[in-house]
Protein backbone atom coordinates (compact mmCIF):
# COMPACT_ATOMS: atom_id res chain seq x y z
CA UNK A 1 -22.61 4.38 13.29
CA UNK A 2 -23.56 3.67 9.68
CA UNK A 3 -21.03 3.05 6.94
CA UNK A 4 -21.82 6.43 5.38
CA UNK A 5 -21.27 8.21 8.68
CA UNK A 6 -18.04 6.31 9.25
CA UNK A 7 -16.68 7.18 5.81
CA UNK A 8 -17.55 10.84 6.30
CA UNK A 9 -15.84 10.82 9.68
CA UNK A 10 -12.72 9.14 8.29
CA UNK A 11 -12.45 11.64 5.44
CA UNK A 12 -12.56 14.51 7.92
CA UNK A 13 -9.78 12.97 10.00
CA UNK A 14 -7.64 11.69 7.10
CA UNK A 15 -5.15 14.62 7.07
CA UNK A 16 -4.64 14.19 10.81
CA UNK A 17 -4.05 10.44 10.46
CA UNK A 18 -1.85 10.88 7.37
CA UNK A 19 0.45 13.16 9.34
CA UNK A 20 0.66 10.44 11.96
CA UNK A 21 1.71 7.87 9.36
CA UNK A 22 4.54 10.18 8.32
CA UNK A 23 5.82 9.80 11.88
CA UNK A 24 5.81 6.03 11.40
CA UNK A 25 7.95 6.46 8.29
CA UNK A 26 10.28 8.90 10.04
CA UNK A 27 10.84 6.59 13.01
CA UNK A 28 11.44 3.62 10.69
CA UNK A 29 13.91 5.46 8.46
CA UNK A 30 15.79 6.70 11.52
CA UNK A 31 15.94 3.15 12.93
CA UNK A 32 17.33 1.77 9.67
CA UNK A 33 19.79 4.67 9.35
CA UNK A 34 21.11 4.05 12.86
CA UNK A 35 21.13 0.26 12.80
CA UNK A 36 22.41 -0.45 9.29
CA UNK A 37 25.96 0.97 9.54
CA UNK A 38 26.44 -0.54 12.98
CA UNK A 39 25.25 -3.92 11.70
CA UNK A 40 27.65 -3.74 8.75
CA UNK A 41 30.55 -2.97 11.09
CA UNK A 42 29.64 -6.00 13.22
CA UNK A 43 29.40 -8.15 10.08
CA UNK A 44 32.92 -7.12 9.06
CA UNK A 45 34.19 -7.90 12.55
CA UNK A 46 32.58 -11.34 12.42
CA UNK A 47 34.06 -11.96 8.96
CA UNK A 48 37.46 -11.29 10.51
CA UNK A 49 36.72 -13.85 13.24
CA UNK A 50 35.90 -11.38 16.01
CA UNK A 51 34.08 -12.95 18.96
CA UNK A 52 33.07 -9.48 20.13
CA UNK A 53 31.20 -8.89 16.87
CA UNK A 54 29.42 -12.22 17.23
CA UNK A 55 28.51 -11.53 20.86
CA UNK A 56 27.17 -8.04 20.12
CA UNK A 57 25.08 -9.41 17.26
CA UNK A 58 23.64 -12.09 19.52
CA UNK A 59 22.86 -9.44 22.14
CA UNK A 60 21.06 -7.30 19.55
CA UNK A 61 18.78 -10.21 18.60
CA UNK A 62 17.55 -10.91 22.13
CA UNK A 63 15.66 -7.95 23.65
CA UNK A 64 11.99 -7.45 22.66
CA UNK A 65 11.50 -4.11 20.92
CA UNK A 66 8.45 -3.28 23.03
CA UNK A 67 10.51 -3.62 26.21
CA UNK A 68 13.38 -1.60 24.73
CA UNK A 69 11.03 1.26 23.89
CA UNK A 70 10.04 1.58 27.54
CA UNK A 71 13.66 1.14 28.60
CA UNK A 72 14.92 3.98 26.44
CA UNK A 73 11.90 6.12 27.30
CA UNK A 74 12.70 6.01 31.01
CA UNK A 75 16.50 5.60 31.01
CA UNK A 76 17.49 8.22 28.44
CA UNK A 77 17.11 11.82 29.63
CA UNK A 78 15.06 14.30 27.66
CA UNK A 79 18.22 16.20 26.85
CA UNK A 80 21.94 16.11 27.51
CA UNK A 81 24.66 18.71 27.16
CA UNK A 82 27.90 17.84 25.35
CA UNK A 83 30.55 20.54 25.07
CA UNK A 84 27.89 23.17 25.49
CA UNK A 85 25.63 21.64 22.83
CA UNK A 86 22.15 20.61 23.92
CA UNK A 87 21.05 17.27 22.47
CA UNK A 88 17.33 16.55 22.79
CA UNK A 89 16.08 12.96 23.01
CA UNK A 90 12.54 13.27 21.71
CA UNK A 91 10.16 10.34 22.13
CA UNK A 92 10.36 9.49 18.43
CA UNK A 93 14.16 9.26 18.62
CA UNK A 94 13.97 6.94 21.62
CA UNK A 95 11.57 4.72 19.67
CA UNK A 96 13.94 4.74 16.68
CA UNK A 97 16.85 3.72 18.90
CA UNK A 98 14.82 0.82 20.30
CA UNK A 99 13.91 -0.39 16.81
CA UNK A 100 17.50 0.11 15.65
CA UNK A 101 18.69 -2.62 18.02
CA UNK A 102 16.74 -5.24 16.06
CA UNK A 103 18.02 -3.73 12.81
CA UNK A 104 21.62 -4.15 14.02
CA UNK A 105 21.14 -7.89 14.57
CA UNK A 106 19.38 -8.37 11.24
CA UNK A 107 21.90 -6.39 9.20
CA UNK A 108 24.86 -8.06 10.90
CA UNK A 109 23.58 -11.54 9.97
CA UNK A 110 22.60 -10.69 6.40
CA UNK A 111 25.57 -8.46 5.64
CA UNK A 112 27.87 -11.24 6.85
CA UNK A 113 26.25 -13.64 4.39
CA UNK A 114 26.58 -11.05 1.63
CA UNK A 115 30.24 -10.38 2.43
CA UNK A 116 30.99 -14.11 2.31
CA UNK A 117 29.39 -14.32 -1.12
CA UNK A 118 31.50 -11.37 -2.29
CA UNK A 119 34.63 -13.04 -0.95
CA UNK A 120 33.83 -16.09 -3.11
CA UNK A 121 33.17 -13.86 -6.11
CA UNK A 122 29.41 -14.52 -6.04
CA UNK A 123 28.18 -11.00 -6.77
CA UNK A 124 24.63 -11.92 -7.72
CA UNK A 125 24.08 -13.84 -4.48
CA UNK A 126 25.54 -10.92 -2.50
CA UNK A 127 22.83 -8.66 -3.93
CA UNK A 128 20.19 -10.61 -2.00
CA UNK A 129 21.04 -8.30 0.87
CA UNK A 130 19.20 -5.41 -0.80
CA UNK A 131 15.71 -6.94 -1.07
CA UNK A 132 16.17 -8.54 2.35
CA UNK A 133 17.07 -5.16 3.85
CA UNK A 134 14.09 -3.47 2.20
CA UNK A 135 11.73 -6.20 3.36
CA UNK A 136 13.00 -5.72 6.90
CA UNK A 137 12.32 -1.99 6.56
CA UNK A 138 8.69 -2.94 5.88
CA UNK A 139 8.70 -4.97 9.11
CA UNK A 140 10.14 -2.00 11.01
CA UNK A 141 7.41 0.27 9.61
CA UNK A 142 4.78 -2.09 10.98
CA UNK A 143 6.61 -2.35 14.31
CA UNK A 144 6.84 1.44 14.56
CA UNK A 145 3.23 1.49 15.75
CA UNK A 146 4.55 0.41 19.17
CA UNK A 147 5.99 3.92 19.50
CA UNK A 148 2.49 5.08 20.42
CA UNK A 149 2.98 3.72 23.95
CA UNK A 150 5.53 6.44 24.75
CA UNK A 151 3.57 9.27 23.17
CA UNK A 152 4.95 9.41 19.64
CA UNK A 153 2.10 10.96 17.61
CA UNK A 154 2.13 8.27 14.92
CA UNK A 155 -0.97 6.86 13.28
CA UNK A 156 -2.06 4.45 16.04
CA UNK A 157 -1.65 7.16 18.68
CA UNK A 158 -3.72 9.51 16.54
CA UNK A 159 -6.29 6.80 15.85
CA UNK A 160 -6.90 6.64 19.60
CA UNK A 161 -7.28 10.43 19.61
CA UNK A 162 -9.87 10.23 16.83
CA UNK A 163 -11.83 7.53 18.67
CA UNK A 164 -11.85 9.63 21.84
CA UNK A 165 -12.88 12.75 19.91
CA UNK A 166 -15.85 11.09 18.19
CA UNK A 167 -17.14 9.70 21.45
CA UNK A 168 -18.78 6.74 19.70
CA UNK A 169 -17.91 3.15 20.49
CA UNK A 170 -18.84 2.18 16.93
CA UNK A 171 -16.01 4.31 15.59
CA UNK A 172 -13.31 2.07 17.08
CA UNK A 173 -13.47 -0.67 14.44
CA UNK A 174 -13.67 1.80 11.58
CA UNK A 175 -10.74 3.93 12.75
CA UNK A 176 -8.43 1.01 13.52
CA UNK A 177 -9.30 -0.66 10.21
CA UNK A 178 -8.51 2.58 8.41
CA UNK A 179 -5.18 2.87 10.22
CA UNK A 180 -4.39 -0.72 9.26
CA UNK A 181 -5.20 0.14 5.64
CA UNK A 182 -2.44 2.76 5.63
CA UNK A 183 0.11 0.13 6.63
CA UNK A 184 -1.26 -2.30 4.04
CA UNK A 185 -1.14 0.19 1.18
CA UNK A 186 2.43 1.15 2.01
CA UNK A 187 3.91 -2.24 2.91
CA UNK A 188 2.19 -4.63 0.51
CA UNK A 189 3.36 -3.06 -2.80
CA UNK A 190 6.90 -2.74 -1.45
CA UNK A 191 6.89 -6.38 -0.34
CA UNK A 192 5.63 -7.48 -3.77
CA UNK A 193 8.34 -5.43 -5.47
CA UNK A 194 11.05 -7.01 -3.33
CA UNK A 195 9.66 -10.46 -4.08
CA UNK A 196 9.95 -9.77 -7.81
CA UNK A 197 13.51 -8.52 -7.38
CA UNK A 198 14.43 -11.68 -5.46
CA UNK A 199 12.92 -13.80 -8.22
CA UNK A 200 14.98 -11.95 -10.83
CA UNK A 201 18.14 -12.40 -8.81
CA UNK A 202 17.40 -16.11 -8.49
CA UNK A 203 16.90 -16.28 -12.24
CA UNK A 204 20.22 -14.57 -12.88
CA UNK A 205 21.89 -16.87 -10.37
CA UNK A 206 20.48 -19.95 -12.09
CA UNK A 207 21.68 -18.63 -15.45
CA UNK A 208 25.16 -18.18 -14.01
CA UNK A 209 25.02 -21.75 -12.67
CA UNK A 210 24.02 -23.06 -16.08
CA UNK A 211 26.82 -21.18 -17.84
CA UNK A 212 29.38 -22.33 -15.28
CA UNK A 213 28.24 -25.94 -15.64
CA UNK A 214 28.40 -25.66 -19.42
CA UNK A 215 32.01 -24.51 -19.19
CA UNK A 216 32.84 -27.14 -16.59
CA UNK A 217 33.50 -24.63 -13.78
CA UNK A 218 31.39 -25.14 -10.67
CA UNK A 219 29.61 -22.01 -9.51
CA UNK A 220 28.02 -21.75 -6.07
CA UNK A 221 24.92 -19.88 -7.15
CA UNK A 222 21.59 -18.87 -5.75
CA UNK A 223 20.23 -22.37 -6.13
CA UNK A 224 22.74 -23.55 -3.56
CA UNK A 225 23.10 -20.61 -1.20
CA UNK A 226 19.79 -18.83 -1.49
CA UNK A 227 18.90 -15.47 0.00
CA UNK A 228 20.34 -14.25 3.27
CA UNK A 229 18.16 -15.39 6.14
CA UNK A 230 17.06 -13.26 9.06
CA UNK A 231 18.08 -14.57 12.40
CA UNK A 232 20.74 -16.94 11.07
CA UNK A 233 23.41 -17.37 13.68
CA UNK A 234 26.73 -16.84 11.99
CA UNK A 235 29.92 -15.87 13.70
């Protein structure tokens, strides 16, 4: 397959693949929407000294997402009935639940750090949670491609469909590279934006340190505490 043929083929299939990437975004947003409030609740429990909150956070960090996707796919029924209301567990929702477990652990750790900064009156340092959370969303978007293994029609799943439809072995590299480009064009600008926001927050934190030092009042700023770290074990 020549480059010209490959480009023509990719243009024909672009709407099909673009729709698949929307599924990646949907699964990722759902995972963040499910995991974030639960993680914040656990962070508040840990701030209050709860061992249960610390244990649940630790448990959320451990299981591999790929394994959880299969677990939820086979354990959760396709639908359940609650008080006469049918609740459907579509494959995309099961994938979102699996990804949400990792989100819970991440948010619990970073929200705890942010809450501690707020308790000390360090508002600028507490804001590090926002770029950290957005950066983790980017990670979840990339991880959402694992949803293809349980039949979610996201971009990798559809890339395999395109390869099978063309019937040419030479199409494999082109199609997968094109799918990877979608992730790159979405994630890279967002990551760069978050990096700039972090730099600005650090600058504001350093300015606050300088002003506090000038007035003789010690301020525990960004230069000392830094951004919240993923995976930090805090209880």
